[in-house]
């Protein structure tokens, strides 16, 4: 078991928060050593020449060193074993956060499966997960891939028997608001489900059913977090998927949940520049819900306000200038 000293190490604490808000499923020593080597390679070859997974890894590396002042200078001045040690400490933080969140969600999620006051039939164990996943009507319906009909006996049997293999990029129904999926409008309600217990992890478990208090000691306050990030949304989605599943031990290579593929596919969507309009709206929606008093929470501007009139005038002048420029 890790000592209290190790868990309070600044690098461990930073790894906890970074894993929850930016990128969770990675080998931090490899991330740092590979990133430093790549800095030299990029002098001759641009990052666009690399495969998509390496491009993402390098973006994560840059965000990691930017988020910890002085880190890059220390890493560049140290030996390889020093870089590996720093990565191990950050990785320990990310792993401990993941493990703690997995442990608390295993029990907490049972309270979100049915409306408050209604019994879950048949009941599910808080400590044993073998009766979850496709083995229970409620969790099975939530994990059923969007586009498939869980109420159809043949579909249900095919999923349970493994005849229909579900991959991580086939997203489950629990991701959708009201658990309703429209194949003609796949963005509608996506990632706005009440099952995504953001407050449970990022403010405090007690704030899931009520507004977060200013005195809350959750990690959002400890790290100055004022808005929902793409990484934090992918994190909670993957945690909830695992909590609903029958898998007892989390593994990147778990074929039941296919969590790593699932996590990356969510990030692929959120980082896709072609989806920026929908993603921006989604992140604003979440930030309003979780951080209603934050200055990072974008506010709607009244068309009668002076700010709107000034911006409208500026836009008109810019359009006129562009139209009259040779």
Protein backbone atom coordinates (compact mmCIF):
# COMPACT_ATOMS: atom_id res chain seq x y z
CA UNK A 1 0.00 0.00 0.00
CA UNK A 2 1.29 3.46 -0.86
CA UNK A 3 2.39 5.55 2.09
CA UNK A 4 0.66 8.79 3.03
CA UNK A 5 3.85 10.65 2.09
CA UNK A 6 3.79 9.28 -1.43
CA UNK A 7 0.11 10.11 -1.89
CA UNK A 8 0.72 13.70 -0.77
CA UNK A 9 3.66 14.17 -3.13
CA UNK A 10 2.90 17.13 -5.49
CA UNK A 11 3.62 14.99 -8.55
CA UNK A 12 1.25 12.28 -7.32
CA UNK A 13 -1.46 14.85 -6.61
CA UNK A 14 -0.97 16.39 -10.03
CA UNK A 15 -1.20 12.96 -11.64
CA UNK A 16 -4.51 12.38 -9.87
CA UNK A 17 -6.06 15.53 -11.27
CA UNK A 18 -4.47 15.28 -14.73
CA UNK A 19 -5.67 11.72 -15.15
CA UNK A 20 -9.22 12.70 -14.26
CA UNK A 21 -9.41 15.85 -16.37
CA UNK A 22 -7.08 15.44 -19.35
CA UNK A 23 -5.95 11.89 -20.04
CA UNK A 24 -6.30 8.77 -17.93
CA UNK A 25 -5.40 5.61 -19.80
CA UNK A 26 -1.71 5.91 -20.50
CA UNK A 27 1.72 4.85 -19.26
CA UNK A 28 3.09 8.07 -17.76
CA UNK A 29 6.79 7.09 -17.79
CA UNK A 30 6.47 6.23 -21.48
CA UNK A 31 4.48 9.40 -22.12
CA UNK A 32 7.27 11.55 -20.67
CA UNK A 33 10.25 9.71 -22.15
CA UNK A 34 8.60 9.48 -25.56
CA UNK A 35 7.56 13.12 -25.47
CA UNK A 36 11.06 14.36 -24.71
CA UNK A 37 12.59 12.28 -27.48
CA UNK A 38 9.92 13.50 -29.87
CA UNK A 39 10.77 17.14 -29.16
CA UNK A 40 14.11 16.57 -30.86
CA UNK A 41 12.57 14.63 -33.74
CA UNK A 42 10.07 17.41 -34.42
CA UNK A 43 12.92 19.69 -35.42
CA UNK A 44 13.12 17.67 -38.64
CA UNK A 45 9.64 16.20 -39.01
CA UNK A 46 6.33 17.97 -38.14
CA UNK A 47 3.87 16.27 -35.82
CA UNK A 48 1.34 16.02 -38.68
CA UNK A 49 3.60 13.37 -40.23
CA UNK A 50 2.99 11.03 -37.29
CA UNK A 51 0.05 8.58 -36.89
CA UNK A 52 -3.07 9.90 -35.16
CA UNK A 53 -2.38 8.04 -31.89
CA UNK A 54 1.11 9.52 -31.65
CA UNK A 55 -0.26 12.99 -32.39
CA UNK A 56 -2.72 12.63 -29.51
CA UNK A 57 0.01 11.30 -27.22
CA UNK A 58 2.17 14.30 -28.02
CA UNK A 59 -0.71 16.73 -27.38
CA UNK A 60 -1.20 15.07 -24.00
CA UNK A 61 2.54 15.34 -23.29
CA UNK A 62 2.56 19.06 -24.12
CA UNK A 63 -0.50 19.68 -21.97
CA UNK A 64 1.08 17.77 -19.09
CA UNK A 65 4.30 19.77 -19.08
CA UNK A 66 2.38 23.02 -19.53
CA UNK A 67 0.19 22.19 -16.55
CA UNK A 68 3.14 21.80 -14.17
CA UNK A 69 5.44 24.88 -14.15
CA UNK A 70 9.12 24.02 -14.41
CA UNK A 71 8.50 20.37 -15.19
CA UNK A 72 10.04 20.38 -18.67
CA UNK A 73 13.20 22.14 -17.49
CA UNK A 74 13.65 19.58 -14.70
CA UNK A 75 13.07 16.67 -17.05
CA UNK A 76 15.49 18.01 -19.67
CA UNK A 77 18.17 18.54 -17.03
CA UNK A 78 17.74 15.09 -15.46
CA UNK A 79 18.77 11.59 -16.44
CA UNK A 80 16.43 9.05 -18.03
CA UNK A 81 15.82 7.38 -14.68
CA UNK A 82 14.72 10.75 -13.26
CA UNK A 83 12.18 11.13 -16.06
CA UNK A 84 10.89 7.62 -15.43
CA UNK A 85 10.61 8.33 -11.70
CA UNK A 86 8.53 11.46 -12.31
CA UNK A 87 6.30 9.47 -14.65
CA UNK A 88 5.88 6.75 -12.06
CA UNK A 89 4.77 9.27 -9.43
CA UNK A 90 2.23 10.85 -11.77
CA UNK A 91 1.07 7.44 -12.90
CA UNK A 92 0.60 6.43 -9.26
CA UNK A 93 -1.61 9.46 -8.77
CA UNK A 94 -3.70 8.74 -11.86
CA UNK A 95 -4.07 5.08 -10.86
CA UNK A 96 -5.04 5.85 -7.27
CA UNK A 97 -7.70 8.32 -8.44
CA UNK A 98 -9.09 5.79 -10.91
CA UNK A 99 -9.18 3.08 -8.27
CA UNK A 100 -10.90 5.27 -5.69
CA UNK A 101 -13.48 6.47 -8.19
CA UNK A 102 -14.15 2.91 -9.35
CA UNK A 103 -14.65 1.79 -5.76
CA UNK A 104 -17.10 4.53 -4.79
CA UNK A 105 -19.08 4.43 -8.05
CA UNK A 106 -19.64 0.68 -7.73
CA UNK A 107 -22.05 1.36 -4.88
CA UNK A 108 -23.24 4.89 -5.71
CA UNK A 109 -24.45 4.07 -9.20
CA UNK A 110 -27.14 1.77 -7.84
CA UNK A 111 -28.94 4.88 -6.53
CA UNK A 112 -29.18 6.31 -10.06
CA UNK A 113 -30.62 3.29 -11.86
CA UNK A 114 -34.26 3.90 -10.92
CA UNK A 115 -36.15 6.97 -9.66
CA UNK A 116 -35.58 7.75 -6.00
CA UNK A 117 -37.89 5.80 -3.73
CA UNK A 118 -38.49 2.99 -6.21
CA UNK A 119 -37.02 -0.47 -5.61
CA UNK A 120 -34.61 -2.06 -8.07
CA UNK A 121 -36.05 -5.43 -9.13
CA UNK A 122 -34.30 -7.74 -8.72
CA UNK A 123 -31.94 -5.93 -6.31
CA UNK A 124 -28.24 -5.66 -7.10
CA UNK A 125 -25.37 -6.24 -4.72
CA UNK A 126 -23.31 -3.20 -3.75
CA UNK A 127 -20.09 -5.17 -3.44
CA UNK A 128 -20.36 -7.92 -6.05
CA UNK A 129 -20.73 -7.04 -9.73
CA UNK A 130 -21.37 -10.43 -11.28
CA UNK A 131 -25.13 -9.79 -11.44
CA UNK A 132 -24.74 -6.54 -13.38
CA UNK A 133 -24.03 -5.94 -17.06
CA UNK A 134 -26.12 -8.03 -19.43
CA UNK A 135 -27.14 -10.26 -16.51
CA UNK A 136 -29.68 -7.71 -15.22
CA UNK A 137 -32.60 -6.13 -17.10
CA UNK A 138 -31.83 -2.57 -16.00
CA UNK A 139 -28.06 -2.52 -16.48
CA UNK A 140 -28.43 -4.60 -19.65
CA UNK A 141 -30.77 -2.03 -21.19
CA UNK A 142 -28.36 0.78 -20.28
CA UNK A 143 -25.35 -1.04 -21.77
CA UNK A 144 -27.18 -2.18 -24.89
CA UNK A 145 -25.58 -0.52 -27.95
CA UNK A 146 -27.57 2.37 -29.35
CA UNK A 147 -29.52 1.19 -32.37
CA UNK A 148 -30.18 -2.29 -30.95
CA UNK A 149 -33.48 -3.17 -29.26
CA UNK A 150 -32.90 -4.63 -25.79
CA UNK A 151 -36.61 -5.43 -25.48
CA UNK A 152 -36.30 -7.83 -28.43
CA UNK A 153 -35.68 -11.34 -26.99
CA UNK A 154 -33.53 -12.36 -29.95
CA UNK A 155 -31.33 -9.28 -29.61
CA UNK A 156 -31.00 -9.81 -25.88
CA UNK A 157 -30.08 -13.47 -26.26
CA UNK A 158 -27.57 -12.69 -29.01
CA UNK A 159 -25.86 -10.11 -26.80
CA UNK A 160 -25.82 -12.36 -23.74
CA UNK A 161 -24.47 -15.35 -25.64
CA UNK A 162 -21.74 -13.32 -27.27
CA UNK A 163 -23.04 -14.03 -30.75
CA UNK A 164 -23.37 -10.29 -31.18
CA UNK A 165 -19.97 -8.90 -30.21
CA UNK A 166 -19.99 -5.35 -28.86
CA UNK A 167 -16.93 -3.19 -29.37
CA UNK A 168 -15.99 -0.06 -27.45
CA UNK A 169 -16.88 2.24 -30.31
CA UNK A 170 -20.49 0.96 -30.30
CA UNK A 171 -21.82 3.35 -27.70
CA UNK A 172 -24.39 2.22 -25.12
CA UNK A 173 -27.81 3.72 -24.46
CA UNK A 174 -26.87 5.18 -21.08
CA UNK A 175 -24.96 7.96 -22.87
CA UNK A 176 -28.21 9.51 -24.17
CA UNK A 177 -30.54 11.86 -22.36
CA UNK A 178 -33.65 9.90 -21.44
CA UNK A 179 -31.94 6.83 -22.94
CA UNK A 180 -33.42 7.76 -26.31
CA UNK A 181 -31.38 7.36 -29.48
CA UNK A 182 -32.46 8.81 -32.82
CA UNK A 183 -30.47 7.31 -35.73
CA UNK A 184 -31.41 10.34 -37.83
CA UNK A 185 -29.98 12.73 -35.21
CA UNK A 186 -27.13 10.88 -33.42
CA UNK A 187 -26.01 14.03 -31.57
CA UNK A 188 -29.41 14.56 -29.98
CA UNK A 189 -29.10 13.95 -26.24
CA UNK A 190 -25.65 12.38 -26.61
CA UNK A 191 -23.47 12.61 -23.47
CA UNK A 192 -26.21 14.44 -21.55
CA UNK A 193 -27.48 11.47 -19.56
CA UNK A 194 -28.36 11.70 -15.88
CA UNK A 195 -26.22 8.58 -15.41
CA UNK A 196 -23.07 10.64 -15.89
CA UNK A 197 -22.51 11.40 -12.22
CA UNK A 198 -19.99 14.16 -12.77
CA UNK A 199 -20.57 15.70 -9.35
CA UNK A 200 -19.86 12.40 -7.61
CA UNK A 201 -16.23 12.50 -8.76
CA UNK A 202 -15.48 16.14 -9.39
CA UNK A 203 -17.19 17.91 -6.49
CA UNK A 204 -18.28 15.40 -3.84
CA UNK A 205 -20.51 12.33 -3.63
CA UNK A 206 -23.03 14.26 -1.50
CA UNK A 207 -23.56 16.88 -4.22
CA UNK A 208 -24.93 14.48 -6.84
CA UNK A 209 -28.54 15.19 -5.85
CA UNK A 210 -28.09 18.85 -4.91
CA UNK A 211 -26.18 21.96 -5.83
CA UNK A 212 -22.48 21.90 -4.88
CA UNK A 213 -21.60 24.13 -1.95
CA UNK A 214 -18.79 26.66 -1.97
CA UNK A 215 -17.26 24.90 1.04
CA UNK A 216 -17.03 21.58 -0.76
CA UNK A 217 -13.52 20.09 -0.55
CA UNK A 218 -13.81 18.16 -3.81
CA UNK A 219 -10.84 18.14 -6.14
CA UNK A 220 -12.36 20.78 -8.43
CA UNK A 221 -11.76 23.30 -5.67
CA UNK A 222 -8.37 21.94 -4.71
CA UNK A 223 -7.14 22.32 -8.31
CA UNK A 224 -9.03 25.43 -9.31
CA UNK A 225 -11.17 23.59 -11.85
CA UNK A 226 -13.85 25.94 -13.22
CA UNK A 227 -15.17 24.17 -16.28
CA UNK A 228 -15.85 20.70 -17.60
CA UNK A 229 -13.07 19.41 -19.83
CA UNK A 230 -13.22 16.91 -22.67
CA UNK A 231 -10.94 14.61 -20.72
CA UNK A 232 -13.11 14.77 -17.60
CA UNK A 233 -16.23 13.92 -19.59
CA UNK A 234 -14.53 10.93 -21.26
CA UNK A 235 -13.28 9.89 -17.80
CA UNK A 236 -16.66 9.84 -16.09
CA UNK A 237 -18.31 8.13 -19.07
CA UNK A 238 -15.77 5.32 -18.94
CA UNK A 239 -16.10 5.02 -15.16
CA UNK A 240 -19.88 4.71 -15.41
CA UNK A 241 -19.64 2.11 -18.17
CA UNK A 242 -17.38 0.00 -15.97
CA UNK A 243 -19.62 0.47 -12.91
CA UNK A 244 -22.62 -0.83 -14.87
CA UNK A 245 -20.69 -3.82 -16.21
CA UNK A 246 -20.25 -7.23 -14.61
CA UNK A 247 -16.45 -6.95 -14.73
CA UNK A 248 -14.92 -7.09 -11.26
CA UNK A 249 -11.43 -5.81 -12.03
CA UNK A 250 -10.68 -2.98 -14.43
CA UNK A 251 -8.27 -3.75 -17.23
CA UNK A 252 -7.34 -1.75 -20.34
CA UNK A 253 -7.65 -4.95 -22.36
CA UNK A 254 -10.96 -6.16 -20.85
CA UNK A 255 -12.90 -7.62 -23.79
CA UNK A 256 -16.23 -7.31 -21.94
CA UNK A 257 -16.19 -3.52 -21.58
CA UNK A 258 -13.47 -2.76 -24.16
CA UNK A 259 -12.87 0.29 -21.97
CA UNK A 260 -9.73 1.59 -23.63
CA UNK A 261 -11.31 1.60 -27.09
CA UNK A 262 -14.45 3.12 -25.58
CA UNK A 263 -12.50 5.90 -23.83
CA UNK A 264 -10.51 6.76 -26.95
CA UNK A 265 -13.59 6.77 -29.18
CA UNK A 266 -15.29 9.31 -26.88
CA UNK A 267 -12.19 11.51 -27.03
CA UNK A 268 -12.07 11.09 -30.82
CA UNK A 269 -15.51 12.65 -31.04
CA UNK A 270 -14.83 15.44 -28.55
CA UNK A 271 -11.56 16.38 -30.27
CA UNK A 272 -12.86 16.17 -33.85
CA UNK A 273 -12.59 19.67 -35.38
CA UNK A 274 -15.55 18.91 -37.66
CA UNK A 275 -17.76 18.51 -34.57
CA UNK A 276 -16.61 21.69 -32.83
CA UNK A 277 -20.03 23.38 -32.86
CA UNK A 278 -21.81 20.47 -31.16
CA UNK A 279 -18.90 19.82 -28.79
CA UNK A 280 -18.72 23.47 -27.72
CA UNK A 281 -22.44 23.45 -27.00
CA UNK A 282 -22.08 20.21 -25.04
CA UNK A 283 -19.18 21.47 -22.91
CA UNK A 284 -21.03 24.72 -22.21
CA UNK A 285 -24.12 22.75 -21.18
CA UNK A 286 -22.12 20.67 -18.71
CA UNK A 287 -20.19 23.63 -17.33
CA UNK A 288 -23.48 25.45 -16.63
CA UNK A 289 -24.72 22.43 -14.71
CA UNK A 290 -21.59 21.69 -12.69
CA UNK A 291 -20.10 25.16 -12.25
CA UNK A 292 -23.11 27.52 -12.42
CA UNK A 293 -21.27 30.35 -10.68
CA UNK A 294 -18.02 30.03 -12.60
CA UNK A 295 -16.82 32.81 -14.87
CA UNK A 296 -15.84 30.02 -17.27
CA UNK A 297 -19.49 29.13 -17.67
CA UNK A 298 -20.54 30.90 -20.83
CA UNK A 299 -23.56 33.15 -20.43
CA UNK A 300 -26.15 33.85 -23.06
CA UNK A 301 -26.16 37.45 -24.28
CA UNK A 302 -29.45 39.31 -24.58
CA UNK A 303 -30.10 40.81 -28.00
CA UNK A 304 -31.17 43.99 -26.22
CA UNK A 305 -27.90 44.30 -24.32
CA UNK A 306 -25.22 46.85 -25.12
CA UNK A 307 -22.65 44.05 -25.42
CA UNK A 308 -24.68 42.36 -28.15
CA UNK A 309 -25.12 45.64 -30.04
CA UNK A 310 -21.39 46.39 -29.91
CA UNK A 311 -20.50 42.89 -31.10
CA UNK A 312 -23.13 43.08 -33.86
CA UNK A 313 -21.73 46.41 -35.06
CA UNK A 314 -18.17 45.06 -35.01
CA UNK A 315 -19.21 41.99 -37.02
CA UNK A 316 -20.95 44.20 -39.61
CA UNK A 317 -17.87 46.42 -40.00
CA UNK A 318 -15.63 43.37 -40.36
CA UNK A 319 -17.92 41.85 -42.99
CA UNK A 320 -17.99 45.14 -44.93
CA UNK A 321 -14.18 45.36 -44.80
CA UNK A 322 -13.79 41.77 -46.01
CA UNK A 323 -16.24 42.36 -48.87
CA UNK A 324 -14.39 45.48 -50.03
CA UNK A 325 -10.89 44.05 -49.80
CA UNK A 326 -9.25 43.20 -53.12
